Protein backbone atom coordinates (compact mmCIF):
# COMPACT_ATOMS: atom_id res chain seq x y z
CA UNK A 1 -62.14 14.06 12.19
CA UNK A 2 -60.45 10.64 11.94
CA UNK A 3 -62.99 8.41 10.21
CA UNK A 4 -60.74 5.40 10.75
CA UNK A 5 -61.54 5.60 14.48
CA UNK A 6 -65.24 5.43 13.61
CA UNK A 7 -64.66 2.39 11.41
CA UNK A 8 -62.58 0.59 14.04
CA UNK A 9 -65.32 1.25 16.57
CA UNK A 10 -67.75 -0.48 14.19
CA UNK A 11 -65.37 -3.43 13.79
CA UNK A 12 -65.14 -3.85 17.58
CA UNK A 13 -68.93 -3.85 17.90
CA UNK A 14 -69.49 -6.15 14.93
CA UNK A 15 -67.04 -8.79 16.16
CA UNK A 16 -68.11 -8.60 19.78
CA UNK A 17 -64.90 -7.36 21.35
CA UNK A 18 -61.45 -5.89 20.91
CA UNK A 19 -59.57 -9.20 20.65
CA UNK A 20 -61.84 -10.65 17.96
CA UNK A 21 -61.82 -7.42 15.97
CA UNK A 22 -58.02 -7.19 16.23
CA UNK A 23 -57.68 -10.67 14.68
CA UNK A 24 -59.97 -9.73 11.78
CA UNK A 25 -58.52 -6.31 10.91
CA UNK A 26 -54.92 -7.31 11.64
CA UNK A 27 -54.23 -4.54 14.15
CA UNK A 28 -53.03 -4.88 17.75
CA UNK A 29 -55.78 -4.93 20.34
CA UNK A 30 -54.23 -1.85 21.94
CA UNK A 31 -54.61 0.21 18.77
CA UNK A 32 -58.33 -0.61 18.56
CA UNK A 33 -58.80 0.32 22.20
CA UNK A 34 -56.97 3.61 21.61
CA UNK A 35 -59.12 4.35 18.55
CA UNK A 36 -62.34 3.89 20.52
CA UNK A 37 -61.00 6.02 23.37
CA UNK A 38 -60.11 8.82 20.93
CA UNK A 39 -63.58 8.64 19.40
CA UNK A 40 -65.26 8.75 22.82
CA UNK A 41 -63.08 11.70 23.82
CA UNK A 42 -63.80 13.67 20.65
CA UNK A 43 -67.55 13.09 20.97
CA UNK A 44 -67.70 13.53 24.72
CA UNK A 45 -69.73 10.31 24.92
CA UNK A 46 -69.26 6.88 26.45
CA UNK A 47 -69.87 4.39 23.63
CA UNK A 48 -68.82 1.07 25.15
CA UNK A 49 -69.10 -0.29 28.69
CA UNK A 50 -66.10 -2.55 29.21
CA UNK A 51 -66.35 -5.53 31.55
CA UNK A 52 -64.09 -8.52 32.12
CA UNK A 53 -66.58 -10.88 30.46
CA UNK A 54 -68.14 -9.04 27.54
CA UNK A 55 -68.62 -5.79 25.70
CA UNK A 56 -71.83 -3.80 26.06
CA UNK A 57 -72.87 -0.74 24.04
CA UNK A 58 -74.28 2.31 25.75
CA UNK A 59 -77.45 3.83 24.31
CA UNK A 60 -75.31 6.41 22.50
CA UNK A 61 -72.99 3.70 21.19
CA UNK A 62 -75.94 1.65 19.91
CA UNK A 63 -77.39 4.64 18.07
CA UNK A 64 -74.08 5.65 16.48
CA UNK A 65 -73.23 2.08 15.43
CA UNK A 66 -76.65 1.56 13.85
CA UNK A 67 -76.32 4.75 11.80
CA UNK A 68 -72.63 4.65 10.90
CA UNK A 69 -72.06 0.96 10.08
CA UNK A 70 -74.14 1.01 6.84
CA UNK A 71 -72.09 3.98 5.63
CA UNK A 72 -68.80 2.08 5.89
CA UNK A 73 -70.38 -0.99 4.29
CA UNK A 74 -71.50 1.12 1.34
CA UNK A 75 -68.06 2.75 1.11
CA UNK A 76 -66.29 -0.62 0.94
CA UNK A 77 -68.80 -1.89 -1.63
CA UNK A 78 -68.23 1.19 -3.76
CA UNK A 79 -64.47 0.75 -3.53
CA UNK A 80 -64.79 -2.91 -4.57
CA UNK A 81 -67.00 -1.97 -7.52
CA UNK A 82 -64.54 0.71 -8.62
CA UNK A 83 -61.67 -1.79 -8.43
CA UNK A 84 -63.75 -4.29 -10.38
CA UNK A 85 -64.44 -1.74 -13.12
CA UNK A 86 -60.78 -0.80 -13.33
CA UNK A 87 -59.71 -4.42 -13.83
CA UNK A 88 -56.67 -3.86 -11.61
CA UNK A 89 -55.41 -6.94 -9.73
CA UNK A 90 -54.53 -5.10 -6.54
CA UNK A 91 -55.66 -4.51 -2.97
CA UNK A 92 -56.28 -7.11 -0.27
CA UNK A 93 -58.12 -10.34 -1.02
CA UNK A 94 -59.69 -11.81 2.14
CA UNK A 95 -60.34 -15.57 2.15
CA UNK A 96 -61.62 -18.05 4.71
CA UNK A 97 -61.04 -21.76 4.19
CA UNK A 98 -60.94 -25.08 6.07
CA UNK A 99 -57.35 -25.79 7.07
CA UNK A 100 -56.49 -28.65 4.70
CA UNK A 101 -58.09 -27.04 1.65
CA UNK A 102 -56.39 -23.75 2.45
CA UNK A 103 -52.99 -25.39 2.87
CA UNK A 104 -53.13 -27.63 -0.19
CA UNK A 105 -55.16 -25.59 -2.68
CA UNK A 106 -55.84 -21.95 -1.75
CA UNK A 107 -52.31 -21.44 -0.39
CA UNK A 108 -50.41 -22.52 -3.52
CA UNK A 109 -52.71 -20.46 -5.74
CA UNK A 110 -52.24 -17.43 -3.49
CA UNK A 111 -48.45 -17.72 -3.73
CA UNK A 112 -48.62 -18.01 -7.51
CA UNK A 113 -50.80 -14.90 -7.85
CA UNK A 114 -48.70 -12.82 -5.46
CA UNK A 115 -45.67 -13.60 -7.61
CA UNK A 116 -47.61 -12.49 -10.68
CA UNK A 117 -49.24 -9.36 -9.21
CA UNK A 118 -46.98 -7.32 -6.89
CA UNK A 119 -49.83 -5.00 -5.79
CA UNK A 120 -52.00 -7.89 -4.59
CA UNK A 121 -52.09 -8.80 -0.88
CA UNK A 122 -53.90 -11.91 0.36
CA UNK A 123 -55.19 -12.90 3.78
CA UNK A 124 -56.26 -16.53 4.34
CA UNK A 125 -57.97 -17.41 7.63
CA UNK A 126 -58.31 -21.15 8.25
CA UNK A 127 -61.06 -22.83 10.24
CA UNK A 128 -63.91 -25.23 9.50
CA UNK A 129 -66.80 -23.07 10.62
CA UNK A 130 -68.85 -21.78 7.68
CA UNK A 131 -69.40 -18.03 7.92
CA UNK A 132 -71.21 -15.48 5.78
CA UNK A 133 -68.82 -13.60 3.49
CA UNK A 134 -71.16 -10.61 3.74
CA UNK A 135 -71.31 -10.46 7.54
CA UNK A 136 -67.61 -11.26 8.08
CA UNK A 137 -66.34 -9.14 5.16
CA UNK A 138 -64.63 -11.93 3.23
CA UNK A 139 -64.23 -11.85 -0.54
CA UNK A 140 -64.34 -15.66 -0.71
CA UNK A 141 -65.37 -18.30 1.83
CA UNK A 142 -64.53 -21.87 0.81
CA UNK A 143 -66.91 -24.43 2.29
CA UNK A 144 -67.62 -28.15 2.02
CA UNK A 145 -71.40 -28.18 1.56
CA UNK A 146 -73.66 -30.57 -0.32
CA UNK A 147 -76.33 -28.00 -1.21
CA UNK A 148 -76.11 -24.21 -1.67
CA UNK A 149 -76.83 -22.11 1.40
CA UNK A 150 -80.27 -20.42 1.22
CA UNK A 151 -78.95 -17.03 2.27
CA UNK A 152 -79.70 -13.63 0.79
CA UNK A 153 -76.75 -11.68 -0.50
CA UNK A 154 -74.54 -14.74 -1.14
CA UNK A 155 -73.58 -16.37 -4.45
CA UNK A 156 -72.47 -20.03 -4.28
CA UNK A 157 -70.13 -21.51 -6.90
CA UNK A 158 -68.76 -25.05 -6.96
CA UNK A 159 -65.02 -24.93 -7.56
CA UNK A 160 -63.81 -28.45 -6.78
CA UNK A 161 -65.14 -32.00 -6.85
CA UNK A 162 -62.48 -34.18 -5.25
CA UNK A 163 -62.22 -37.96 -5.52
CA UNK A 164 -62.37 -39.81 -2.19
CA UNK A 165 -61.44 -43.35 -1.25
CA UNK A 166 -61.24 -45.72 1.72
CA UNK A 167 -57.83 -46.39 3.25
CA UNK A 168 -56.42 -48.49 6.10
CA UNK A 169 -53.08 -49.61 7.51
CA UNK A 170 -51.87 -53.05 6.40
CA UNK A 171 -51.66 -54.18 10.03
CA UNK A 172 -55.38 -53.47 10.54
CA UNK A 173 -56.29 -55.33 7.35
CA UNK A 174 -54.11 -58.28 8.32
CA UNK A 175 -55.78 -58.43 11.73
CA UNK A 176 -59.42 -58.08 10.61
CA UNK A 177 -59.16 -59.45 7.08
CA UNK A 178 -59.37 -57.71 3.70
CA UNK A 179 -62.98 -56.52 3.14
CA UNK A 180 -64.62 -57.91 -0.01
CA UNK A 181 -67.75 -55.79 0.06
CA UNK A 182 -69.48 -53.00 1.92
CA UNK A 183 -71.05 -55.43 4.38
CA UNK A 184 -67.55 -56.44 5.53
CA UNK A 185 -66.82 -52.87 6.60
CA UNK A 186 -69.19 -53.21 9.56
CA UNK A 187 -66.51 -55.08 11.52
CA UNK A 188 -63.96 -52.27 11.09
CA UNK A 189 -63.58 -49.18 13.29
CA UNK A 190 -64.10 -45.95 11.35
CA UNK A 191 -62.30 -42.59 11.45
CA UNK A 192 -64.84 -39.89 10.66
CA UNK A 193 -65.52 -36.16 10.44
CA UNK A 194 -68.14 -34.65 12.78
CA UNK A 195 -70.54 -34.15 9.86
CA UNK A 196 -70.43 -37.81 8.78
CA UNK A 197 -73.77 -39.52 9.39
CA UNK A 198 -73.10 -42.19 6.77
CA UNK A 199 -70.71 -42.86 3.88
CA UNK A 200 -72.28 -43.21 0.44
CA UNK A 201 -70.41 -45.91 -1.50
CA UNK A 202 -71.23 -47.10 -5.04
CA UNK A 203 -70.57 -50.74 -5.86
CA UNK A 204 -69.07 -51.96 -9.16
CA UNK A 205 -72.64 -52.90 -10.18
CA UNK A 206 -73.69 -49.25 -9.85
CA UNK A 207 -75.75 -49.57 -6.66
CA UNK A 208 -75.19 -46.91 -3.98
CA UNK A 209 -75.16 -48.17 -0.40
CA UNK A 210 -74.75 -46.24 2.85
CA UNK A 211 -72.37 -47.26 5.61
CA UNK A 212 -73.43 -45.84 9.02
CA UNK A 213 -70.66 -43.67 10.46
CA UNK A 214 -72.23 -42.65 13.76
CA UNK A 215 -70.16 -45.04 15.93
CA UNK A 216 -66.63 -44.03 15.03
CA UNK A 217 -63.41 -44.94 16.84
CA UNK A 218 -62.16 -41.39 16.22
CA UNK A 219 -64.01 -38.25 15.13
CA UNK A 220 -62.16 -35.09 14.12
CA UNK A 221 -62.74 -32.23 11.70
CA UNK A 222 -59.00 -32.26 10.93
CA UNK A 223 -58.07 -34.68 8.16
CA UNK A 224 -54.43 -34.85 9.30
CA UNK A 225 -55.49 -36.16 12.72
CA UNK A 226 -57.62 -38.83 11.05
CA UNK A 227 -54.78 -39.70 8.70
CA UNK A 228 -52.40 -40.17 11.64
CA UNK A 229 -54.94 -42.47 13.33
CA UNK A 230 -55.24 -44.51 10.13
CA UNK A 231 -51.45 -44.87 9.90
CA UNK A 232 -51.45 -46.17 13.48
CA UNK A 233 -54.00 -48.83 12.51
CA UNK A 234 -56.95 -47.42 14.48
CA UNK A 235 -59.53 -47.58 11.69
CA UNK A 236 -60.62 -47.05 8.10
CA UNK A 237 -60.26 -43.54 6.74
CA UNK A 238 -62.39 -41.90 4.03
CA UNK A 239 -60.47 -38.99 2.53
CA UNK A 240 -59.49 -37.44 -0.78
CA UNK A 241 -57.36 -39.93 -2.66
CA UNK A 242 -54.27 -37.77 -3.12
CA UNK A 243 -54.09 -36.90 0.60
CA UNK A 244 -52.89 -40.47 1.20
CA UNK A 245 -50.76 -40.75 -1.95
CA UNK A 246 -47.42 -40.66 -0.14
CA UNK A 247 -48.57 -43.18 2.47
CA UNK A 248 -49.90 -45.53 -0.22
CA UNK A 249 -46.68 -45.28 -2.22
CA UNK A 250 -44.61 -46.23 0.83
CA UNK A 251 -46.99 -49.05 1.78
CA UNK A 252 -48.08 -47.41 5.05
CA UNK A 253 -51.70 -47.42 3.87
CA UNK A 254 -53.66 -49.53 1.41
CA UNK A 255 -56.77 -48.60 -0.51
CA UNK A 256 -59.79 -50.57 0.67
CA UNK A 257 -62.40 -51.74 -1.89
CA UNK A 258 -60.60 -49.97 -4.77
CA UNK A 259 -63.34 -51.03 -7.21
CA UNK A 260 -65.96 -49.12 -5.19
CA UNK A 261 -66.57 -45.37 -5.54
CA UNK A 262 -67.03 -43.00 -2.60
CA UNK A 263 -69.15 -39.90 -2.85
CA UNK A 264 -66.83 -37.06 -3.96
CA UNK A 265 -66.08 -34.06 -1.77
CA UNK A 266 -67.64 -30.92 -3.24
CA UNK A 267 -65.99 -27.60 -2.41
CA UNK A 268 -67.93 -24.38 -2.95
CA UNK A 269 -66.92 -20.74 -2.97
CA UNK A 270 -69.32 -18.44 -1.15
CA UNK A 271 -69.16 -14.89 -2.51
CA UNK A 272 -70.94 -11.66 -1.60
CA UNK A 273 -73.58 -10.89 -4.23
CA UNK A 274 -72.28 -7.84 -6.08
CA UNK A 275 -73.04 -6.02 -9.29
CA UNK A 276 -69.31 -5.93 -10.04
CA UNK A 277 -67.04 -8.76 -8.88
CA UNK A 278 -63.58 -7.36 -8.01
CA UNK A 279 -60.91 -8.32 -10.51
CA UNK A 280 -58.78 -9.91 -7.77
CA UNK A 281 -61.68 -12.24 -6.88
CA UNK A 282 -62.25 -13.24 -10.51
CA UNK A 283 -58.53 -13.78 -10.96
CA UNK A 284 -58.26 -16.00 -7.88
CA UNK A 285 -61.25 -18.16 -8.85
CA UNK A 286 -59.93 -18.56 -12.38
CA UNK A 287 -56.56 -19.60 -10.98
CA UNK A 288 -58.29 -22.08 -8.64
CA UNK A 289 -60.09 -23.59 -11.64
CA UNK A 290 -56.79 -23.97 -13.49
CA UNK A 291 -55.29 -25.53 -10.36
CA UNK A 292 -58.17 -28.02 -10.16
CA UNK A 293 -58.02 -29.01 -13.81
CA UNK A 294 -54.24 -29.17 -13.86
CA UNK A 295 -54.11 -31.37 -10.79
CA UNK A 296 -56.83 -33.70 -12.03
CA UNK A 297 -55.26 -34.01 -15.46
CA UNK A 298 -52.15 -35.43 -13.83
CA UNK A 299 -53.41 -36.86 -10.57
CA UNK A 300 -56.15 -35.94 -8.15
CA UNK A 301 -55.56 -32.77 -6.13
CA UNK A 302 -54.29 -33.27 -2.61
CA UNK A 303 -56.29 -33.08 0.58
CA UNK A 304 -59.37 -31.34 1.71
CA UNK A 305 -61.18 -31.16 5.01
CA UNK A 306 -62.86 -34.49 4.48
């Protein structure tokens, strides 16, 4: 009996189709389809009704999935606990991260650890949607959240607090005038993220004021797109300070209200709640902490999603 076929069947059901499951497990779609066909043939049962639009389980498929899926979950948990007890930095570390944070922070740390530990493999999926590390089988999900998620089975740890500032192209500032206070920002177009309802800005006197950000010239979850719009003079950008460092050094962007303080960007790591945290997870988070402190000791770490 090939238990891998059973597990791949569960992956197809869990992710709602062969294509989605293939992306998660890193196998070709054809191999997942073949695994399910072999399982159906060996059992003499039809498990999945295939249509052009969606996947539907048969009654037999529903029963088998409901009974078998917890067994594979327990097996993976047991394997992770055994690896954690052994202290070995090995196996595959699965991470999900917003694109900019993954590229500028998680990626460099991953490369450093792979050089240090030859038996460690790392998968980093990049997108902004926050997912459950338990449901999606990730070891770490990096997320930009202001408060911990009230979800059972998840541990939330803050790993980064990144300085943000306001930036604009010199041409825009020459055209509309250099702002002297928060009230002057109301005449400027803004470049925002979809989650921005307002920007919290603290004045030199220590008072925190809120700039409405619901009527933006451009809205995008991708910081690089917003940065490009700022360079073209389309509005004021709020982003982590080091993401614009090169543009500021060349004079392509200028910091706006440099004596004011923007609310920092907090980055959290969402982890499955486990009795034993795998050594590879502990190692990666420790390396991320060193990366954060090392970057901030010299200059603020580069970009994040916001």
